[in-house]
Amino acid sequence: MRSIVDDHIDFVARTLQKAGVPSADLDDEIQRTFIVIARRLSDVELGAERSFLFQVAVNLASHARRKLARRREVLDERPPERVETLATPENLTDRKEMRKLLDEVVGGMDETLRDVFMLHEFEEMNLTQIAGLLRIPRGTVASRLRRARAEFRKHVGAIELAWDLGTRAAVPAEQTAPPRREAISTLGRALLRTGTSVMTPMTTHARTLAALGLAGR
C-alpha cells in the first residue's frame, strides 16, 4: 500500500484539485482517497491502481463540490465570482495565482468534459488510454476533448481580451483535426504547465501515510 501512495499521490492531488476540491480540503480528500483503496485493495486489479484511484478521487471531488455548494448557499446568497475577474496582470504573475485561475477554469467545466481534459492535458494520456480508463468509446473521448478544449480556449481568450494581450490563435469548436494539433495561446500553454507541475508537499505525504497506519515503516 505504501508504494501505491508513493507512486500515485501527485496524480491523486492533481485529480482532486482540478475536479474542484478547495485547497483547504485537499489534504483530507487525498487521505480519504487512499483510505478507500486500502479498504478495497482486494478489488483492485494489479496494474489498475491508477484507474481505481482516478474513479475514487473523482467521486470524492463531486461530493466535496456538493458540500461546498451547500455551504455557499447558507453563508452567501451572492453568485460565485466569475473566472475573468481573477485575471489581472498583477495576480497572474505568481505561479500559485495562475494555478488558482486554471483550477477555476477547469473546475467550471461539465464533469464529463473535465475528466477527459484532465487525463489528456495533465496526465498526458492518449485517446485510447482514456477510453479504456473511462470505459467509453474512443470517438466519444475525442468529441469531449474537442469540446473541453474549445471551452478552455474561450475562457483564456476572454482573459487575454480583458487585459489586452493581443489576438489569440483560435480554432473552431467543430474542428475535426486531432486534439493535440489544435492551437492554444501562449497564456493557455502557461496555464496548462502550472497544472502538470503540481507536486504534493511532503507534509501531505506524511499525513496520508499516518492516516493509513504506514508512518515509520
N, C-alpha and C. Protein backbone atom coordinates (compact mmCIF):
# COMPACT_ATOMS: atom_id res chain seq x y z
N MET A 1 0.83 -1.20 0.00
CA MET A 1 0.00 0.00 0.00
C MET A 1 0.87 1.26 0.00
N ARG A 2 2.00 1.19 0.70
CA ARG A 2 2.88 2.37 0.74
C ARG A 2 3.37 2.72 -0.66
N SER A 3 3.69 1.73 -1.47
CA SER A 3 4.18 2.01 -2.82
C SER A 3 3.09 2.67 -3.67
N ILE A 4 1.82 2.33 -3.42
CA ILE A 4 0.72 2.96 -4.15
C ILE A 4 0.66 4.45 -3.80
N VAL A 5 0.82 4.76 -2.51
CA VAL A 5 0.83 6.16 -2.08
C VAL A 5 2.01 6.88 -2.71
N ASP A 6 3.21 6.30 -2.61
CA ASP A 6 4.41 6.94 -3.13
C ASP A 6 4.30 7.20 -4.63
N ASP A 7 3.75 6.24 -5.37
CA ASP A 7 3.72 6.33 -6.83
C ASP A 7 2.60 7.22 -7.36
N HIS A 8 1.51 7.36 -6.59
CA HIS A 8 0.32 8.00 -7.17
C HIS A 8 -0.21 9.21 -6.40
N ILE A 9 0.46 9.65 -5.35
CA ILE A 9 -0.10 10.74 -4.55
C ILE A 9 -0.18 12.04 -5.35
N ASP A 10 0.80 12.33 -6.20
CA ASP A 10 0.74 13.55 -7.01
C ASP A 10 -0.42 13.48 -8.00
N PHE A 11 -0.63 12.31 -8.58
CA PHE A 11 -1.74 12.11 -9.53
C PHE A 11 -3.08 12.33 -8.83
N VAL A 12 -3.22 11.77 -7.64
CA VAL A 12 -4.46 11.94 -6.87
C VAL A 12 -4.67 13.41 -6.52
N ALA A 13 -3.61 14.08 -6.10
CA ALA A 13 -3.73 15.50 -5.74
C ALA A 13 -4.17 16.33 -6.94
N ARG A 14 -3.55 16.08 -8.11
CA ARG A 14 -3.94 16.83 -9.31
C ARG A 14 -5.39 16.56 -9.68
N THR A 15 -5.79 15.29 -9.59
CA THR A 15 -7.16 14.94 -9.96
C THR A 15 -8.16 15.63 -9.06
N LEU A 16 -7.93 15.59 -7.77
CA LEU A 16 -8.84 16.23 -6.82
C LEU A 16 -8.87 17.74 -7.01
N GLN A 17 -7.70 18.32 -7.18
CA GLN A 17 -7.61 19.78 -7.31
C GLN A 17 -8.32 20.25 -8.56
N LYS A 18 -8.06 19.59 -9.69
CA LYS A 18 -8.68 20.01 -10.95
C LYS A 18 -10.17 19.66 -10.99
N ALA A 19 -10.60 18.73 -10.15
CA ALA A 19 -12.02 18.36 -10.10
C ALA A 19 -12.80 19.27 -9.16
N GLY A 20 -12.14 20.27 -8.60
CA GLY A 20 -12.87 21.28 -7.84
C GLY A 20 -12.80 21.19 -6.34
N VAL A 21 -11.91 20.37 -5.79
CA VAL A 21 -11.77 20.31 -4.33
C VAL A 21 -11.05 21.56 -3.84
N PRO A 22 -11.61 22.30 -2.89
CA PRO A 22 -10.95 23.51 -2.37
C PRO A 22 -9.61 23.18 -1.74
N SER A 23 -8.68 24.11 -1.82
CA SER A 23 -7.34 23.89 -1.26
C SER A 23 -7.38 23.52 0.21
N ALA A 24 -8.31 24.14 0.95
CA ALA A 24 -8.40 23.87 2.39
C ALA A 24 -8.80 22.43 2.69
N ASP A 25 -9.47 21.77 1.74
CA ASP A 25 -9.95 20.40 1.95
C ASP A 25 -9.10 19.36 1.24
N LEU A 26 -8.07 19.80 0.52
CA LEU A 26 -7.33 18.89 -0.35
C LEU A 26 -6.64 17.77 0.42
N ASP A 27 -5.96 18.12 1.51
CA ASP A 27 -5.27 17.08 2.30
C ASP A 27 -6.23 15.99 2.76
N ASP A 28 -7.38 16.40 3.28
CA ASP A 28 -8.35 15.43 3.79
C ASP A 28 -8.86 14.52 2.67
N GLU A 29 -9.11 15.09 1.49
CA GLU A 29 -9.63 14.29 0.39
C GLU A 29 -8.57 13.35 -0.17
N ILE A 30 -7.31 13.77 -0.15
CA ILE A 30 -6.23 12.86 -0.56
C ILE A 30 -6.20 11.65 0.37
N GLN A 31 -6.28 11.92 1.67
CA GLN A 31 -6.27 10.81 2.64
C GLN A 31 -7.47 9.90 2.44
N ARG A 32 -8.64 10.49 2.22
CA ARG A 32 -9.84 9.67 2.02
C ARG A 32 -9.71 8.78 0.79
N THR A 33 -9.12 9.32 -0.27
CA THR A 33 -8.95 8.53 -1.50
C THR A 33 -8.12 7.28 -1.22
N PHE A 34 -7.02 7.44 -0.52
CA PHE A 34 -6.16 6.28 -0.26
C PHE A 34 -6.75 5.36 0.80
N ILE A 35 -7.53 5.90 1.71
CA ILE A 35 -8.21 5.05 2.68
C ILE A 35 -9.21 4.14 1.97
N VAL A 36 -9.92 4.69 0.98
CA VAL A 36 -10.87 3.87 0.21
C VAL A 36 -10.16 2.73 -0.50
N ILE A 37 -9.04 3.05 -1.18
CA ILE A 37 -8.35 1.99 -1.91
C ILE A 37 -7.74 0.96 -0.95
N ALA A 38 -7.32 1.43 0.24
CA ALA A 38 -6.77 0.48 1.22
C ALA A 38 -7.84 -0.50 1.68
N ARG A 39 -9.05 0.00 1.86
CA ARG A 39 -10.14 -0.87 2.30
C ARG A 39 -10.61 -1.82 1.21
N ARG A 40 -10.40 -1.42 -0.04
CA ARG A 40 -10.89 -2.22 -1.17
C ARG A 40 -9.74 -2.78 -2.00
N LEU A 41 -8.60 -2.94 -1.38
CA LEU A 41 -7.40 -3.36 -2.11
C LEU A 41 -7.61 -4.68 -2.84
N SER A 42 -8.38 -5.56 -2.26
CA SER A 42 -8.61 -6.86 -2.89
C SER A 42 -9.43 -6.74 -4.18
N ASP A 43 -10.11 -5.61 -4.35
CA ASP A 43 -10.92 -5.39 -5.56
C ASP A 43 -10.12 -4.75 -6.69
N VAL A 44 -8.90 -4.31 -6.39
CA VAL A 44 -8.10 -3.59 -7.37
C VAL A 44 -7.21 -4.57 -8.13
N GLU A 45 -7.35 -4.59 -9.45
CA GLU A 45 -6.52 -5.47 -10.27
C GLU A 45 -5.09 -4.94 -10.31
N LEU A 46 -4.13 -5.86 -10.34
CA LEU A 46 -2.73 -5.47 -10.41
C LEU A 46 -2.50 -4.66 -11.69
N GLY A 47 -1.91 -3.49 -11.53
CA GLY A 47 -1.66 -2.61 -12.67
C GLY A 47 -2.79 -1.63 -12.94
N ALA A 48 -3.91 -1.79 -12.23
CA ALA A 48 -5.06 -0.91 -12.46
C ALA A 48 -5.26 0.07 -11.30
N GLU A 49 -4.23 0.25 -10.49
CA GLU A 49 -4.35 1.12 -9.32
C GLU A 49 -4.66 2.57 -9.72
N ARG A 50 -4.02 3.05 -10.77
CA ARG A 50 -4.22 4.43 -11.22
C ARG A 50 -5.67 4.67 -11.65
N SER A 51 -6.21 3.71 -12.38
CA SER A 51 -7.60 3.82 -12.83
C SER A 51 -8.55 3.84 -11.65
N PHE A 52 -8.31 2.96 -10.67
CA PHE A 52 -9.17 2.88 -9.50
C PHE A 52 -9.09 4.18 -8.70
N LEU A 53 -7.88 4.69 -8.51
CA LEU A 53 -7.69 5.93 -7.76
C LEU A 53 -8.39 7.10 -8.45
N PHE A 54 -8.33 7.14 -9.78
CA PHE A 54 -8.99 8.22 -10.50
C PHE A 54 -10.49 8.21 -10.25
N GLN A 55 -11.10 7.05 -10.35
CA GLN A 55 -12.55 6.97 -10.15
C GLN A 55 -12.93 7.36 -8.73
N VAL A 56 -12.15 6.90 -7.75
CA VAL A 56 -12.44 7.25 -6.35
C VAL A 56 -12.27 8.75 -6.14
N ALA A 57 -11.18 9.32 -6.66
CA ALA A 57 -10.92 10.74 -6.47
C ALA A 57 -12.00 11.60 -7.11
N VAL A 58 -12.44 11.23 -8.31
CA VAL A 58 -13.48 11.99 -8.99
C VAL A 58 -14.79 11.94 -8.20
N ASN A 59 -15.12 10.77 -7.66
CA ASN A 59 -16.35 10.64 -6.87
C ASN A 59 -16.27 11.47 -5.59
N LEU A 60 -15.12 11.43 -4.92
CA LEU A 60 -14.96 12.22 -3.70
C LEU A 60 -15.00 13.71 -4.01
N ALA A 61 -14.40 14.11 -5.13
CA ALA A 61 -14.42 15.51 -5.51
C ALA A 61 -15.83 15.99 -5.79
N SER A 62 -16.63 15.15 -6.42
CA SER A 62 -18.03 15.51 -6.69
C SER A 62 -18.78 15.73 -5.39
N HIS A 63 -18.53 14.86 -4.42
CA HIS A 63 -19.17 15.01 -3.11
C HIS A 63 -18.69 16.29 -2.42
N ALA A 64 -17.39 16.58 -2.54
CA ALA A 64 -16.84 17.78 -1.91
C ALA A 64 -17.42 19.04 -2.53
N ARG A 65 -17.64 19.03 -3.86
CA ARG A 65 -18.23 20.20 -4.52
C ARG A 65 -19.66 20.42 -4.06
N ARG A 66 -20.40 19.34 -3.86
CA ARG A 66 -21.78 19.48 -3.39
C ARG A 66 -21.80 20.07 -1.99
N LYS A 67 -20.90 19.62 -1.13
CA LYS A 67 -20.82 20.18 0.23
C LYS A 67 -20.46 21.65 0.19
N LEU A 68 -19.52 22.02 -0.67
CA LEU A 68 -19.11 23.41 -0.78
C LEU A 68 -20.27 24.27 -1.28
N ALA A 69 -21.01 23.75 -2.25
CA ALA A 69 -22.15 24.49 -2.78
C ALA A 69 -23.20 24.73 -1.70
N ARG A 70 -23.43 23.72 -0.85
CA ARG A 70 -24.41 23.88 0.24
C ARG A 70 -23.92 24.92 1.24
N ARG A 71 -22.62 24.92 1.54
CA ARG A 71 -22.06 25.91 2.46
C ARG A 71 -22.23 27.31 1.91
N ARG A 72 -21.99 27.47 0.62
CA ARG A 72 -22.11 28.79 0.00
C ARG A 72 -23.56 29.26 0.02
N GLU A 73 -24.50 28.34 -0.17
CA GLU A 73 -25.91 28.72 -0.13
C GLU A 73 -26.30 29.25 1.23
N VAL A 74 -25.72 28.65 2.26
CA VAL A 74 -26.04 29.06 3.61
C VAL A 74 -25.35 30.38 3.97
N LEU A 75 -24.07 30.50 3.57
CA LEU A 75 -23.27 31.65 4.00
C LEU A 75 -23.39 32.88 3.11
N ASP A 76 -23.72 32.66 1.85
CA ASP A 76 -23.65 33.80 0.93
C ASP A 76 -24.61 33.57 -0.22
N GLU A 77 -25.54 34.50 -0.39
CA GLU A 77 -26.50 34.36 -1.47
C GLU A 77 -26.02 35.00 -2.75
N ARG A 78 -24.83 35.61 -2.74
CA ARG A 78 -24.30 36.24 -3.95
C ARG A 78 -23.83 35.16 -4.91
N PRO A 79 -23.92 35.41 -6.23
CA PRO A 79 -23.42 34.43 -7.20
C PRO A 79 -21.92 34.28 -7.10
N PRO A 80 -21.36 33.11 -7.48
CA PRO A 80 -19.91 32.91 -7.41
C PRO A 80 -19.17 33.86 -8.33
N GLU A 81 -17.95 34.19 -7.97
CA GLU A 81 -17.13 35.10 -8.74
C GLU A 81 -16.82 34.50 -10.10
N ARG A 82 -16.91 35.31 -11.15
CA ARG A 82 -16.60 34.83 -12.48
C ARG A 82 -15.09 34.65 -12.62
N VAL A 83 -14.72 33.67 -13.45
CA VAL A 83 -13.31 33.40 -13.66
C VAL A 83 -12.56 34.63 -14.15
N GLU A 84 -13.18 35.39 -15.06
CA GLU A 84 -12.48 36.51 -15.67
C GLU A 84 -12.06 37.57 -14.65
N THR A 85 -12.78 37.70 -13.53
CA THR A 85 -12.45 38.75 -12.57
C THR A 85 -11.13 38.46 -11.85
N LEU A 86 -10.64 37.22 -11.93
CA LEU A 86 -9.38 36.87 -11.29
C LEU A 86 -8.19 37.26 -12.16
N ALA A 87 -8.45 37.54 -13.43
CA ALA A 87 -7.36 37.69 -14.38
C ALA A 87 -6.89 39.13 -14.51
N THR A 88 -5.95 39.50 -13.70
CA THR A 88 -5.29 40.79 -13.84
C THR A 88 -3.80 40.53 -13.94
N PRO A 89 -3.05 41.40 -14.58
CA PRO A 89 -1.61 41.17 -14.71
C PRO A 89 -0.93 41.00 -13.36
N GLU A 90 -1.43 41.70 -12.34
CA GLU A 90 -0.78 41.64 -11.03
C GLU A 90 -0.88 40.25 -10.40
N ASN A 91 -2.11 39.66 -10.39
CA ASN A 91 -2.22 38.38 -9.69
C ASN A 91 -1.89 37.18 -10.57
N LEU A 92 -1.64 37.43 -11.88
CA LEU A 92 -1.22 36.31 -12.72
C LEU A 92 0.30 36.19 -12.81
N THR A 93 1.02 37.09 -12.17
CA THR A 93 2.47 36.99 -12.20
C THR A 93 2.97 35.90 -11.26
N ASP A 94 2.17 35.50 -10.32
CA ASP A 94 2.55 34.47 -9.37
C ASP A 94 2.03 33.12 -9.85
N ARG A 95 2.92 32.10 -9.78
CA ARG A 95 2.55 30.77 -10.27
C ARG A 95 1.36 30.20 -9.51
N LYS A 96 1.29 30.48 -8.21
CA LYS A 96 0.18 30.00 -7.40
C LYS A 96 -1.13 30.59 -7.88
N GLU A 97 -1.12 31.87 -8.24
CA GLU A 97 -2.33 32.52 -8.73
C GLU A 97 -2.72 31.99 -10.11
N MET A 98 -1.73 31.68 -10.94
CA MET A 98 -2.03 31.10 -12.25
C MET A 98 -2.68 29.73 -12.08
N ARG A 99 -2.16 28.96 -11.11
CA ARG A 99 -2.75 27.64 -10.86
C ARG A 99 -4.17 27.77 -10.33
N LYS A 100 -4.40 28.79 -9.50
CA LYS A 100 -5.74 29.03 -8.99
C LYS A 100 -6.70 29.35 -10.14
N LEU A 101 -6.22 30.17 -11.07
CA LEU A 101 -7.04 30.51 -12.23
C LEU A 101 -7.34 29.28 -13.07
N LEU A 102 -6.32 28.44 -13.29
CA LEU A 102 -6.53 27.21 -14.06
C LEU A 102 -7.55 26.32 -13.38
N ASP A 103 -7.46 26.19 -12.08
CA ASP A 103 -8.42 25.37 -11.34
C ASP A 103 -9.85 25.91 -11.51
N GLU A 104 -9.98 27.24 -11.54
CA GLU A 104 -11.30 27.85 -11.73
C GLU A 104 -11.85 27.50 -13.11
N VAL A 105 -11.00 27.59 -14.13
CA VAL A 105 -11.43 27.31 -15.49
C VAL A 105 -11.82 25.84 -15.65
N VAL A 106 -10.94 24.95 -15.21
CA VAL A 106 -11.21 23.52 -15.37
C VAL A 106 -12.36 23.08 -14.47
N GLY A 107 -12.41 23.62 -13.25
CA GLY A 107 -13.48 23.25 -12.32
C GLY A 107 -14.85 23.66 -12.81
N GLY A 108 -14.90 24.67 -13.68
CA GLY A 108 -16.19 25.12 -14.20
C GLY A 108 -16.71 24.30 -15.37
N MET A 109 -15.91 23.36 -15.86
CA MET A 109 -16.34 22.52 -16.98
C MET A 109 -17.36 21.49 -16.54
N ASP A 110 -18.15 21.03 -17.50
CA ASP A 110 -19.01 19.88 -17.25
C ASP A 110 -18.13 18.69 -16.86
N GLU A 111 -18.62 17.89 -15.92
CA GLU A 111 -17.82 16.81 -15.37
C GLU A 111 -17.30 15.85 -16.44
N THR A 112 -18.13 15.52 -17.42
CA THR A 112 -17.69 14.57 -18.45
C THR A 112 -16.58 15.16 -19.31
N LEU A 113 -16.62 16.47 -19.55
CA LEU A 113 -15.57 17.11 -20.32
C LEU A 113 -14.30 17.26 -19.48
N ARG A 114 -14.49 17.62 -18.22
CA ARG A 114 -13.33 17.85 -17.34
C ARG A 114 -12.49 16.59 -17.17
N ASP A 115 -13.13 15.43 -16.99
CA ASP A 115 -12.37 14.20 -16.79
C ASP A 115 -11.46 13.91 -17.98
N VAL A 116 -12.00 14.05 -19.18
CA VAL A 116 -11.21 13.79 -20.38
C VAL A 116 -10.10 14.82 -20.52
N PHE A 117 -10.42 16.09 -20.27
CA PHE A 117 -9.44 17.16 -20.37
C PHE A 117 -8.28 16.95 -19.40
N MET A 118 -8.60 16.61 -18.17
CA MET A 118 -7.56 16.39 -17.15
C MET A 118 -6.63 15.27 -17.56
N LEU A 119 -7.21 14.15 -17.98
CA LEU A 119 -6.39 12.99 -18.31
C LEU A 119 -5.51 13.24 -19.52
N HIS A 120 -6.02 13.99 -20.48
CA HIS A 120 -5.25 14.24 -21.70
C HIS A 120 -4.19 15.31 -21.51
N GLU A 121 -4.58 16.43 -20.90
CA GLU A 121 -3.67 17.57 -20.80
C GLU A 121 -2.69 17.48 -19.63
N PHE A 122 -3.14 16.96 -18.50
CA PHE A 122 -2.28 16.94 -17.32
C PHE A 122 -1.58 15.60 -17.11
N GLU A 123 -2.26 14.51 -17.46
CA GLU A 123 -1.65 13.19 -17.28
C GLU A 123 -1.07 12.64 -18.58
N GLU A 124 -1.26 13.38 -19.69
CA GLU A 124 -0.69 13.06 -20.99
C GLU A 124 -1.08 11.66 -21.46
N MET A 125 -2.31 11.28 -21.18
CA MET A 125 -2.83 10.01 -21.69
C MET A 125 -3.40 10.22 -23.08
N ASN A 126 -3.24 9.19 -23.96
CA ASN A 126 -3.79 9.33 -25.29
C ASN A 126 -5.27 8.93 -25.30
N LEU A 127 -5.92 9.10 -26.45
CA LEU A 127 -7.36 8.87 -26.52
C LEU A 127 -7.73 7.43 -26.21
N THR A 128 -6.92 6.50 -26.68
CA THR A 128 -7.20 5.09 -26.43
C THR A 128 -7.10 4.76 -24.94
N GLN A 129 -6.08 5.29 -24.29
CA GLN A 129 -5.91 5.05 -22.86
C GLN A 129 -7.07 5.63 -22.06
N ILE A 130 -7.49 6.84 -22.43
CA ILE A 130 -8.60 7.46 -21.72
C ILE A 130 -9.89 6.68 -21.93
N ALA A 131 -10.10 6.22 -23.15
CA ALA A 131 -11.30 5.42 -23.44
C ALA A 131 -11.34 4.17 -22.58
N GLY A 132 -10.18 3.52 -22.41
CA GLY A 132 -10.12 2.33 -21.58
C GLY A 132 -10.36 2.64 -20.12
N LEU A 133 -9.80 3.75 -19.64
CA LEU A 133 -9.96 4.13 -18.24
C LEU A 133 -11.40 4.48 -17.91
N LEU A 134 -12.03 5.27 -18.79
CA LEU A 134 -13.40 5.73 -18.53
C LEU A 134 -14.46 4.78 -19.07
N ARG A 135 -14.02 3.78 -19.82
CA ARG A 135 -14.92 2.77 -20.39
C ARG A 135 -15.97 3.40 -21.30
N ILE A 136 -15.48 4.25 -22.20
CA ILE A 136 -16.34 4.88 -23.20
C ILE A 136 -15.65 4.75 -24.55
N PRO A 137 -16.39 4.87 -25.66
CA PRO A 137 -15.77 4.75 -26.98
C PRO A 137 -14.71 5.82 -27.23
N ARG A 138 -13.71 5.47 -28.03
CA ARG A 138 -12.64 6.41 -28.34
C ARG A 138 -13.19 7.66 -29.03
N GLY A 139 -14.18 7.49 -29.91
CA GLY A 139 -14.78 8.63 -30.58
C GLY A 139 -15.44 9.59 -29.61
N THR A 140 -16.04 9.05 -28.55
CA THR A 140 -16.64 9.89 -27.53
C THR A 140 -15.58 10.70 -26.79
N VAL A 141 -14.43 10.06 -26.53
CA VAL A 141 -13.32 10.76 -25.89
C VAL A 141 -12.86 11.93 -26.76
N ALA A 142 -12.68 11.67 -28.06
CA ALA A 142 -12.22 12.72 -28.97
C ALA A 142 -13.20 13.89 -29.02
N SER A 143 -14.50 13.56 -29.07
CA SER A 143 -15.53 14.60 -29.12
C SER A 143 -15.52 15.44 -27.85
N ARG A 144 -15.46 14.78 -26.69
CA ARG A 144 -15.46 15.51 -25.42
C ARG A 144 -14.20 16.36 -25.28
N LEU A 145 -13.07 15.84 -25.75
CA LEU A 145 -11.83 16.60 -25.64
C LEU A 145 -11.88 17.85 -26.50
N ARG A 146 -12.43 17.75 -27.71
CA ARG A 146 -12.56 18.93 -28.56
C ARG A 146 -13.44 19.99 -27.90
N ARG A 147 -14.55 19.54 -27.31
CA ARG A 147 -15.45 20.48 -26.65
C ARG A 147 -14.79 21.11 -25.42
N ALA A 148 -14.05 20.30 -24.66
CA ALA A 148 -13.37 20.81 -23.46
C ALA A 148 -12.31 21.83 -23.84
N ARG A 149 -11.56 21.54 -24.88
CA ARG A 149 -10.51 22.46 -25.29
C ARG A 149 -11.09 23.76 -25.86
N ALA A 150 -12.22 23.63 -26.57
CA ALA A 150 -12.89 24.84 -27.06
C ALA A 150 -13.34 25.71 -25.90
N GLU A 151 -13.86 25.08 -24.84
CA GLU A 151 -14.29 25.83 -23.67
C GLU A 151 -13.10 26.46 -22.96
N PHE A 152 -12.01 25.71 -22.86
CA PHE A 152 -10.80 26.24 -22.25
C PHE A 152 -10.30 27.46 -23.02
N ARG A 153 -10.25 27.35 -24.36
CA ARG A 153 -9.79 28.47 -25.17
C ARG A 153 -10.70 29.68 -25.02
N LYS A 154 -12.01 29.42 -24.88
CA LYS A 154 -12.96 30.52 -24.71
C LYS A 154 -12.64 31.33 -23.47
N HIS A 155 -12.39 30.65 -22.35
CA HIS A 155 -12.06 31.35 -21.11
C HIS A 155 -10.73 32.09 -21.23
N VAL A 156 -9.73 31.39 -21.79
CA VAL A 156 -8.41 32.02 -21.93
C VAL A 156 -8.50 33.23 -22.85
N GLY A 157 -9.29 33.10 -23.93
CA GLY A 157 -9.47 34.23 -24.84
C GLY A 157 -10.11 35.42 -24.16
N ALA A 158 -11.10 35.17 -23.30
CA ALA A 158 -11.76 36.25 -22.57
C ALA A 158 -10.78 36.92 -21.61
N ILE A 159 -9.92 36.11 -20.99
CA ILE A 159 -8.93 36.65 -20.06
C ILE A 159 -7.93 37.53 -20.82
N GLU A 160 -7.45 37.03 -21.95
CA GLU A 160 -6.49 37.81 -22.74
C GLU A 160 -7.11 39.12 -23.22
N LEU A 161 -8.36 39.03 -23.66
CA LEU A 161 -9.03 40.23 -24.13
C LEU A 161 -9.19 41.24 -23.00
N ALA A 162 -9.45 40.73 -21.79
CA ALA A 162 -9.69 41.61 -20.65
C ALA A 162 -8.48 42.48 -20.34
N TRP A 163 -7.28 41.95 -20.53
CA TRP A 163 -6.12 42.82 -20.29
C TRP A 163 -5.25 42.96 -21.53
N ASP A 164 -5.93 42.87 -22.69
CA ASP A 164 -5.36 43.29 -23.96
C ASP A 164 -4.00 42.69 -24.25
N LEU A 165 -3.93 41.35 -24.25
CA LEU A 165 -2.68 40.67 -24.58
C LEU A 165 -2.53 40.42 -26.07
N GLY A 166 -3.55 40.74 -26.84
CA GLY A 166 -3.44 40.54 -28.27
C GLY A 166 -4.35 39.45 -28.77
N THR A 167 -4.23 39.14 -30.04
CA THR A 167 -5.10 38.17 -30.70
C THR A 167 -4.66 36.76 -30.39
N ARG A 168 -5.58 35.90 -29.98
CA ARG A 168 -5.27 34.50 -29.72
C ARG A 168 -5.42 33.70 -31.00
N ALA A 169 -4.75 32.56 -31.06
CA ALA A 169 -4.88 31.65 -32.20
C ALA A 169 -6.05 30.72 -31.94
N ALA A 170 -7.22 31.08 -32.46
CA ALA A 170 -8.43 30.31 -32.18
C ALA A 170 -8.63 29.22 -33.20
N VAL A 171 -9.22 28.11 -32.76
CA VAL A 171 -9.60 27.01 -33.62
C VAL A 171 -11.08 26.76 -33.40
N PRO A 172 -11.90 26.71 -34.44
CA PRO A 172 -13.34 26.50 -34.26
C PRO A 172 -13.63 25.23 -33.49
N ALA A 173 -14.71 25.24 -32.70
CA ALA A 173 -15.07 24.09 -31.89
C ALA A 173 -15.36 22.87 -32.74
N GLU A 174 -15.83 23.08 -33.99
CA GLU A 174 -16.17 21.94 -34.82
C GLU A 174 -14.97 21.38 -35.56
N GLN A 175 -13.78 21.90 -35.30
CA GLN A 175 -12.57 21.42 -35.93
C GLN A 175 -12.46 19.91 -35.77
N THR A 176 -12.07 19.20 -36.84
CA THR A 176 -12.02 17.74 -36.80
C THR A 176 -10.61 17.20 -36.73
N ALA A 177 -9.60 18.08 -36.72
CA ALA A 177 -8.23 17.61 -36.62
C ALA A 177 -7.99 17.01 -35.25
N PRO A 178 -6.97 16.13 -35.09
CA PRO A 178 -6.66 15.53 -33.79
C PRO A 178 -6.48 16.61 -32.74
N PRO A 179 -7.00 16.39 -31.53
CA PRO A 179 -6.98 17.43 -30.49
C PRO A 179 -5.62 18.01 -30.20
N ARG A 180 -4.54 17.21 -30.27
CA ARG A 180 -3.21 17.70 -29.95
C ARG A 180 -2.75 18.80 -30.91
N ARG A 181 -3.32 18.87 -32.11
CA ARG A 181 -2.88 19.83 -33.08
C ARG A 181 -3.71 21.10 -33.05
N GLU A 182 -4.66 21.20 -32.16
CA GLU A 182 -5.45 22.42 -32.04
C GLU A 182 -4.62 23.49 -31.33
N ALA A 183 -4.72 24.71 -31.81
CA ALA A 183 -3.89 25.78 -31.28
C ALA A 183 -4.37 26.26 -29.93
N ILE A 184 -3.43 26.47 -29.01
CA ILE A 184 -3.72 27.09 -27.72
C ILE A 184 -2.75 28.24 -27.57
N SER A 185 -3.23 29.35 -27.05
CA SER A 185 -2.42 30.56 -26.95
C SER A 185 -1.28 30.40 -25.96
N THR A 186 -0.40 31.40 -25.96
CA THR A 186 0.73 31.39 -25.03
C THR A 186 0.26 31.33 -23.58
N LEU A 187 -0.75 32.13 -23.25
CA LEU A 187 -1.27 32.11 -21.89
C LEU A 187 -1.88 30.74 -21.58
N GLY A 188 -2.60 30.19 -22.54
CA GLY A 188 -3.20 28.87 -22.33
C GLY A 188 -2.15 27.81 -22.03
N ARG A 189 -1.07 27.82 -22.79
CA ARG A 189 0.00 26.85 -22.55
C ARG A 189 0.64 27.06 -21.18
N ALA A 190 0.80 28.34 -20.80
CA ALA A 190 1.39 28.64 -19.49
C ALA A 190 0.49 28.11 -18.37
N LEU A 191 -0.81 28.30 -18.52
CA LEU A 191 -1.74 27.80 -17.50
C LEU A 191 -1.69 26.28 -17.42
N LEU A 192 -1.66 25.61 -18.56
CA LEU A 192 -1.61 24.16 -18.56
C LEU A 192 -0.33 23.66 -17.88
N ARG A 193 0.77 24.36 -18.10
CA ARG A 193 2.03 23.93 -17.46
C ARG A 193 1.93 24.03 -15.95
N THR A 194 1.21 25.02 -15.43
CA THR A 194 1.07 25.11 -13.97
C THR A 194 0.29 23.92 -13.44
N GLY A 195 -0.59 23.34 -14.26
CA GLY A 195 -1.37 22.19 -13.82
C GLY A 195 -0.57 20.91 -13.79
N THR A 196 0.35 20.73 -14.73
CA THR A 196 1.12 19.49 -14.78
C THR A 196 2.23 19.46 -13.75
N SER A 197 2.58 20.63 -13.21
CA SER A 197 3.72 20.70 -12.30
C SER A 197 3.33 20.63 -10.83
N VAL A 198 2.07 20.33 -10.55
CA VAL A 198 1.62 20.27 -9.15
C VAL A 198 2.35 19.14 -8.42
N MET A 199 3.03 19.47 -7.35
CA MET A 199 3.73 18.48 -6.53
C MET A 199 3.15 18.50 -5.12
N THR A 200 2.89 17.31 -4.59
CA THR A 200 2.30 17.21 -3.26
C THR A 200 3.35 17.49 -2.19
N PRO A 201 3.08 18.38 -1.23
CA PRO A 201 4.04 18.67 -0.16
C PRO A 201 4.36 17.40 0.64
N MET A 202 5.57 17.35 1.18
CA MET A 202 5.98 16.20 1.98
C MET A 202 5.10 16.04 3.21
N THR A 203 4.60 17.15 3.74
CA THR A 203 3.73 17.05 4.92
C THR A 203 2.44 16.31 4.59
N THR A 204 1.90 16.56 3.39
CA THR A 204 0.69 15.85 2.97
C THR A 204 0.98 14.37 2.80
N HIS A 205 2.12 14.07 2.20
CA HIS A 205 2.53 12.68 2.02
C HIS A 205 2.64 11.98 3.37
N ALA A 206 3.26 12.65 4.33
CA ALA A 206 3.45 12.06 5.66
C ALA A 206 2.12 11.85 6.37
N ARG A 207 1.22 12.84 6.26
CA ARG A 207 -0.09 12.71 6.91
C ARG A 207 -0.91 11.58 6.29
N THR A 208 -0.78 11.41 4.98
CA THR A 208 -1.51 10.34 4.30
C THR A 208 -1.02 8.97 4.78
N LEU A 209 0.29 8.82 4.87
CA LEU A 209 0.83 7.56 5.37
C LEU A 209 0.40 7.31 6.81
N ALA A 210 0.39 8.37 7.62
CA ALA A 210 -0.03 8.23 9.02
C ALA A 210 -1.50 7.80 9.10
N ALA A 211 -2.34 8.37 8.23
CA ALA A 211 -3.76 8.02 8.23
C ALA A 211 -3.99 6.55 7.88
N LEU A 212 -3.04 6.00 7.12
CA LEU A 212 -3.13 4.58 6.72
C LEU A 212 -2.38 3.66 7.67
N GLY A 213 -1.80 4.25 8.70
CA GLY A 213 -1.04 3.44 9.65
C GLY A 213 0.29 2.97 9.11
N LEU A 214 0.84 3.73 8.13
CA LEU A 214 2.07 3.32 7.48
C LEU A 214 3.26 4.18 7.87
N ALA A 215 3.06 5.16 8.71
CA ALA A 215 4.15 6.06 9.10
C ALA A 215 5.24 5.29 9.82
N GLY A 216 6.49 5.60 9.46
CA GLY A 216 7.62 5.00 10.14
C GLY A 216 8.00 3.63 9.66
N ARG A 217 7.27 3.08 8.68
CA ARG A 217 7.60 1.76 8.18
C ARG A 217 8.68 1.84 7.10
